[in-house]
């Protein structure tokens, strides 16, 4: 069950990053560097999630 908890944790962090990206995009003149970093972090989490989910199935 520890794997399920880790997947949920990463999923939650992934969703939080998506919200942060959307919030940043709402601002005129948003920070492109910050946006790029948020997207990079989100992609890294997505890759981790996919790897963990591959271990579950």
PDB file of N, CA and C in Angstrom:
ATOM      1  N   UNK A   1       0.807  -1.204   0.000  1.00  0.00           N
ATOM      2  CA  UNK A   1       0.000   0.000   0.000  1.00  0.00           C
ATOM      3  C   UNK A   1       0.849   1.268   0.000  1.00  0.00           C
ATOM      4  N   UNK A   2       2.095   1.143   0.362  1.00  0.00           N
ATOM      5  CA  UNK A   2       2.971   2.320   0.365  1.00  0.00           C
ATOM      6  C   UNK A   2       3.098   2.886  -1.044  1.00  0.00           C
ATOM      7  N   UNK A   3       3.075   2.014  -2.028  1.00  0.00           N
ATOM      8  CA  UNK A   3       3.166   2.464  -3.420  1.00  0.00           C
ATOM      9  C   UNK A   3       1.936   3.283  -3.796  1.00  0.00           C
ATOM     10  N   UNK A   4       0.771   2.845  -3.372  1.00  0.00           N
ATOM     11  CA  UNK A   4      -0.460   3.597  -3.639  1.00  0.00           C
ATOM     12  C   UNK A   4      -0.408   4.983  -2.994  1.00  0.00           C
ATOM     13  N   UNK A   5       0.102   5.052  -1.785  1.00  0.00           N
ATOM     14  CA  UNK A   5       0.212   6.339  -1.089  1.00  0.00           C
ATOM     15  C   UNK A   5       1.176   7.257  -1.840  1.00  0.00           C
ATOM     16  N   UNK A   6       2.262   6.713  -2.317  1.00  0.00           N
ATOM     17  CA  UNK A   6       3.243   7.512  -3.078  1.00  0.00           C
ATOM     18  C   UNK A   6       2.619   8.026  -4.372  1.00  0.00           C
ATOM     19  N   UNK A   7       1.853   7.188  -5.046  1.00  0.00           N
ATOM     20  CA  UNK A   7       1.184   7.605  -6.282  1.00  0.00           C
ATOM     21  C   UNK A   7       0.198   8.730  -5.991  1.00  0.00           C
ATOM     22  N   UNK A   8      -0.560   8.601  -4.906  1.00  0.00           N
ATOM     23  CA  UNK A   8      -1.507   9.663  -4.534  1.00  0.00           C
ATOM     24  C   UNK A   8      -0.780  10.965  -4.208  1.00  0.00           C
ATOM     25  N   UNK A   9       0.331  10.851  -3.488  1.00  0.00           N
ATOM     26  CA  UNK A   9       1.116  12.040  -3.130  1.00  0.00           C
ATOM     27  C   UNK A   9       1.638  12.743  -4.384  1.00  0.00           C
ATOM     28  N   UNK A  10       2.210  11.969  -5.287  1.00  0.00           N
ATOM     29  CA  UNK A  10       2.734  12.562  -6.526  1.00  0.00           C
ATOM     30  C   UNK A  10       1.605  13.151  -7.373  1.00  0.00           C
ATOM     31  N   UNK A  11       0.466  12.479  -7.396  1.00  0.00           N
ATOM     32  CA  UNK A  11      -0.687  12.993  -8.130  1.00  0.00           C
ATOM     33  C   UNK A  11      -1.169  14.317  -7.568  1.00  0.00           C
ATOM     34  N   UNK A  12      -1.150  14.422  -6.262  1.00  0.00           N
ATOM     35  CA  UNK A  12      -1.551  15.665  -5.604  1.00  0.00           C
ATOM     36  C   UNK A  12      -0.568  16.789  -5.930  1.00  0.00           C
ATOM     37  N   UNK A  13       0.717  16.494  -5.869  1.00  0.00           N
ATOM     38  CA  UNK A  13       1.725  17.495  -6.208  1.00  0.00           C
ATOM     39  C   UNK A  13       1.625  17.901  -7.673  1.00  0.00           C
ATOM     40  N   UNK A  14       1.326  16.939  -8.543  1.00  0.00           N
ATOM     41  CA  UNK A  14       1.156  17.211  -9.974  1.00  0.00           C
ATOM     42  C   UNK A  14      -0.002  18.174 -10.184  1.00  0.00           C
ATOM     43  N   UNK A  15      -1.108  17.933  -9.487  1.00  0.00           N
ATOM     44  CA  UNK A  15      -2.282  18.808  -9.589  1.00  0.00           C
ATOM     45  C   UNK A  15      -1.974  20.202  -9.050  1.00  0.00           C
ATOM     46  N   UNK A  16      -1.229  20.278  -7.959  1.00  0.00           N
ATOM     47  CA  UNK A  16      -0.850  21.576  -7.396  1.00  0.00           C
ATOM     48  C   UNK A  16       0.003  22.370  -8.378  1.00  0.00           C
ATOM     49  N   UNK A  17       0.902  21.679  -9.065  1.00  0.00           N
ATOM     50  CA  UNK A  17       1.725  22.361 -10.063  1.00  0.00           C
ATOM     51  C   UNK A  17       0.866  22.852 -11.225  1.00  0.00           C
ATOM     52  N   UNK A  18      -0.104  22.056 -11.632  1.00  0.00           N
ATOM     53  CA  UNK A  18      -1.014  22.489 -12.704  1.00  0.00           C
ATOM     54  C   UNK A  18      -1.750  23.757 -12.291  1.00  0.00           C
ATOM     55  N   UNK A  19      -2.208  23.809 -11.050  1.00  0.00           N
ATOM     56  CA  UNK A  19      -2.890  25.003 -10.564  1.00  0.00           C
ATOM     57  C   UNK A  19      -1.955  26.202 -10.536  1.00  0.00           C
ATOM     58  N   UNK A  20      -0.704  25.980 -10.122  1.00  0.00           N
ATOM     59  CA  UNK A  20       0.276  27.070 -10.086  1.00  0.00           C
ATOM     60  C   UNK A  20       0.568  27.579 -11.498  1.00  0.00           C
ATOM     61  N   UNK A  21       0.631  26.672 -12.466  1.00  0.00           N
ATOM     62  CA  UNK A  21       0.851  27.058 -13.864  1.00  0.00           C
ATOM     63  C   UNK A  21      -0.312  27.897 -14.357  1.00  0.00           C
ATOM     64  N   UNK A  22      -1.532  27.446 -14.093  1.00  0.00           N
ATOM     65  CA  UNK A  22      -2.713  28.185 -14.543  1.00  0.00           C
ATOM     66  C   UNK A  22      -2.776  29.564 -13.885  1.00  0.00           C
ATOM     67  N   UNK A  23      -2.418  29.626 -12.619  1.00  0.00           N
ATOM     68  CA  UNK A  23      -2.416  30.911 -11.904  1.00  0.00           C
ATOM     69  C   UNK A  23      -1.385  31.856 -12.524  1.00  0.00           C
ATOM     70  N   UNK A  24      -0.221  31.339 -12.820  1.00  0.00           N
ATOM     71  CA  UNK A  24       0.827  32.165 -13.428  1.00  0.00           C
ATOM     72  C   UNK A  24       0.385  32.675 -14.801  1.00  0.00           C
ATOM     73  N   UNK A  25      -0.298  31.832 -15.557  1.00  0.00           N
ATOM     74  CA  UNK A  25      -0.753  32.229 -16.892  1.00  0.00           C
ATOM     75  C   UNK A  25      -1.835  33.306 -16.853  1.00  0.00           C
ATOM     76  N   UNK A  26      -2.552  33.395 -15.745  1.00  0.00           N
ATOM     77  CA  UNK A  26      -3.607  34.407 -15.618  1.00  0.00           C
ATOM     78  C   UNK A  26      -3.040  35.826 -15.516  1.00  0.00           C
ATOM     79  N   UNK A  27      -1.805  35.940 -15.080  1.00  0.00           N
ATOM     80  CA  UNK A  27      -1.204  37.265 -14.899  1.00  0.00           C
ATOM     81  C   UNK A  27      -0.648  37.788 -16.219  1.00  0.00           C
ATOM     82  N   UNK A  28      -1.020  39.004 -16.571  1.00  0.00           N
ATOM     83  CA  UNK A  28      -0.397  39.595 -17.751  1.00  0.00           C
ATOM     84  C   UNK A  28       1.100  39.786 -17.459  1.00  0.00           C
ATOM     85  N   UNK A  29       1.901  39.522 -18.435  1.00  0.00           N
ATOM     86  CA  UNK A  29       3.340  39.651 -18.232  1.00  0.00           C
ATOM     87  C   UNK A  29       3.896  38.601 -17.290  1.00  0.00           C
ATOM     88  N   UNK A  30       3.353  37.384 -17.373  1.00  0.00           N
ATOM     89  CA  UNK A  30       3.810  36.320 -16.475  1.00  0.00           C
ATOM     90  C   UNK A  30       5.302  36.042 -16.682  1.00  0.00           C
ATOM     91  N   UNK A  31       5.890  35.448 -15.681  1.00  0.00           N
ATOM     92  CA  UNK A  31       7.319  35.137 -15.661  1.00  0.00           C
ATOM     93  C   UNK A  31       7.564  33.852 -16.456  1.00  0.00           C
ATOM     94  N   UNK A  32       8.155  33.996 -17.642  1.00  0.00           N
ATOM     95  CA  UNK A  32       8.388  32.834 -18.501  1.00  0.00           C
ATOM     96  C   UNK A  32       9.344  31.825 -17.873  1.00  0.00           C
ATOM     97  N   UNK A  33      10.321  32.312 -17.132  1.00  0.00           N
ATOM     98  CA  UNK A  33      11.283  31.404 -16.496  1.00  0.00           C
ATOM     99  C   UNK A  33      10.591  30.587 -15.405  1.00  0.00           C
ATOM    100  N   UNK A  34       9.770  31.254 -14.604  1.00  0.00           N
ATOM    101  CA  UNK A  34       9.027  30.554 -13.549  1.00  0.00           C
ATOM    102  C   UNK A  34       8.076  29.536 -14.173  1.00  0.00           C
ATOM    103  N   UNK A  35       7.403  29.938 -15.243  1.00  0.00           N
ATOM    104  CA  UNK A  35       6.463  29.053 -15.928  1.00  0.00           C
ATOM    105  C   UNK A  35       7.184  27.820 -16.479  1.00  0.00           C
ATOM    106  N   UNK A  36       8.333  28.032 -17.084  1.00  0.00           N
ATOM    107  CA  UNK A  36       9.110  26.918 -17.635  1.00  0.00           C
ATOM    108  C   UNK A  36       9.534  25.960 -16.528  1.00  0.00           C
ATOM    109  N   UNK A  37       9.941  26.493 -15.380  1.00  0.00           N
ATOM    110  CA  UNK A  37      10.355  25.654 -14.257  1.00  0.00           C
ATOM    111  C   UNK A  37       9.175  24.854 -13.697  1.00  0.00           C
ATOM    112  N   UNK A  38       8.021  25.494 -13.573  1.00  0.00           N
ATOM    113  CA  UNK A  38       6.830  24.781 -13.097  1.00  0.00           C
ATOM    114  C   UNK A  38       6.471  23.642 -14.045  1.00  0.00           C
ATOM    115  N   UNK A  39       6.536  23.902 -15.329  1.00  0.00           N
ATOM    116  CA  UNK A  39       6.215  22.868 -16.322  1.00  0.00           C
ATOM    117  C   UNK A  39       7.233  21.730 -16.283  1.00  0.00           C
ATOM    118  N   UNK A  40       8.506  22.070 -16.062  1.00  0.00           N
ATOM    119  CA  UNK A  40       9.536  21.041 -15.966  1.00  0.00           C
ATOM    120  C   UNK A  40       9.281  20.136 -14.755  1.00  0.00           C
ATOM    121  N   UNK A  41       8.931  20.756 -13.635  1.00  0.00           N
ATOM    122  CA  UNK A  41       8.637  19.981 -12.421  1.00  0.00           C
ATOM    123  C   UNK A  41       7.420  19.086 -12.632  1.00  0.00           C
ATOM    124  N   UNK A  42       6.401  19.627 -13.299  1.00  0.00           N
ATOM    125  CA  UNK A  42       5.183  18.860 -13.552  1.00  0.00           C
ATOM    126  C   UNK A  42       5.484  17.655 -14.440  1.00  0.00           C
ATOM    127  N   UNK A  43       6.303  17.862 -15.462  1.00  0.00           N
ATOM    128  CA  UNK A  43       6.666  16.759 -16.349  1.00  0.00           C
ATOM    129  C   UNK A  43       7.453  15.692 -15.604  1.00  0.00           C
ATOM    130  N   UNK A  44       8.353  16.111 -14.734  1.00  0.00           N
ATOM    131  CA  UNK A  44       9.135  15.158 -13.946  1.00  0.00           C
ATOM    132  C   UNK A  44       8.216  14.311 -13.069  1.00  0.00           C
ATOM    133  N   UNK A  45       7.236  14.951 -12.439  1.00  0.00           N
ATOM    134  CA  UNK A  45       6.281  14.207 -11.619  1.00  0.00           C
ATOM    135  C   UNK A  45       5.464  13.242 -12.465  1.00  0.00           C
ATOM    136  N   UNK A  46       5.059  13.691 -13.648  1.00  0.00           N
ATOM    137  CA  UNK A  46       4.286  12.824 -14.539  1.00  0.00           C
ATOM    138  C   UNK A  46       5.091  11.577 -14.907  1.00  0.00           C
ATOM    139  N   UNK A  47       6.365  11.764 -15.188  1.00  0.00           N
ATOM    140  CA  UNK A  47       7.216  10.626 -15.528  1.00  0.00           C
ATOM    141  C   UNK A  47       7.355   9.669 -14.344  1.00  0.00           C
ATOM    142  N   UNK A  48       7.488  10.222 -13.140  1.00  0.00           N
ATOM    143  CA  UNK A  48       7.573   9.383 -11.945  1.00  0.00           C
ATOM    144  C   UNK A  48       6.278   8.609 -11.734  1.00  0.00           C
ATOM    145  N   UNK A  49       5.148   9.287 -11.930  1.00  0.00           N
ATOM    146  CA  UNK A  49       3.847   8.629 -11.784  1.00  0.00           C
ATOM    147  C   UNK A  49       3.699   7.480 -12.779  1.00  0.00           C
ATOM    148  N   UNK A  50       4.064   7.733 -14.011  1.00  0.00           N
ATOM    149  CA  UNK A  50       3.945   6.691 -15.035  1.00  0.00           C
ATOM    150  C   UNK A  50       4.830   5.493 -14.709  1.00  0.00           C
ATOM    151  N   UNK A  51       6.028   5.757 -14.208  1.00  0.00           N
ATOM    152  CA  UNK A  51       6.934   4.667 -13.839  1.00  0.00           C
ATOM    153  C   UNK A  51       6.346   3.860 -12.681  1.00  0.00           C
ATOM    154  N   UNK A  52       5.804   4.535 -11.684  1.00  0.00           N
ATOM    155  CA  UNK A  52       5.216   3.830 -10.543  1.00  0.00           C
ATOM    156  C   UNK A  52       3.976   3.056 -10.955  1.00  0.00           C
ATOM    157  N   UNK A  53       3.154   3.664 -11.772  1.00  0.00           N
ATOM    158  CA  UNK A  53       1.942   2.969 -12.232  1.00  0.00           C
ATOM    159  C   UNK A  53       2.296   1.750 -13.078  1.00  0.00           C
ATOM    160  N   UNK A  54       3.390   1.814 -13.776  1.00  0.00           N
ATOM    161  CA  UNK A  54       3.860   0.656 -14.543  1.00  0.00           C
ATOM    162  C   UNK A  54       4.232  -0.498 -13.639  1.00  0.00           C
ATOM    163  N   UNK A  55       4.711  -0.193 -12.436  1.00  0.00           N
ATOM    164  CA  UNK A  55       5.057  -1.216 -11.458  1.00  0.00           C
ATOM    165  C   UNK A  55       3.839  -1.835 -10.814  1.00  0.00           C
ATOM    166  N   UNK A  56       2.708  -1.102 -10.804  1.00  0.00           N
ATOM    167  CA  UNK A  56       1.492  -1.597 -10.163  1.00  0.00           C
ATOM    168  C   UNK A  56       0.804  -2.610 -11.059  1.00  0.00           C
ATOM    169  N   UNK A  57       0.772  -2.345 -12.343  1.00  0.00           N
ATOM    170  CA  UNK A  57       0.033  -3.215 -13.276  1.00  0.00           C
ATOM    171  C   UNK A  57       0.821  -4.414 -13.660  1.00  0.00           C
TER     172      UNK A  57
END
